[in-house]
Amino acid sequence: MEILFTILAILTLLGFLFLLLKPKIQPKSKEQKQEEIRQNFLQRLDAELSATQNPDERQTKKIALLKVFAKELEFNLFFDKDEVKVLIQELAGY
């Protein structure tokens, strides 16, 4: 019985040490996350459109991608409606 309490005490001590000594991860700010998402969309847009040379095909593909991006951003917590509108306009000008 004493061995059980000793093992339990050691495990509890190790658990507390783990919680105290683990590195603290700082969450990203809203602005950092927005910029990360913006860069991701630009990369996706560039990757999809770079292979297409025909202007009409490119335009059609771009419109379809912008609709997908707008749908994804609609439920994103980091962007409000005005910010989504500005980002879609920025991507449309790409």
Foldseek 3Di string as FASTA:
>chain_A
DVVVVVVVVVVVVVVVCCVVPDDDDDDDDLVVVVVVVLVVLLVVLCVVQVVDDDPVVSVVVLVVSLVVQLVVVVPDPSDDPVRSVVSSVVSVVD
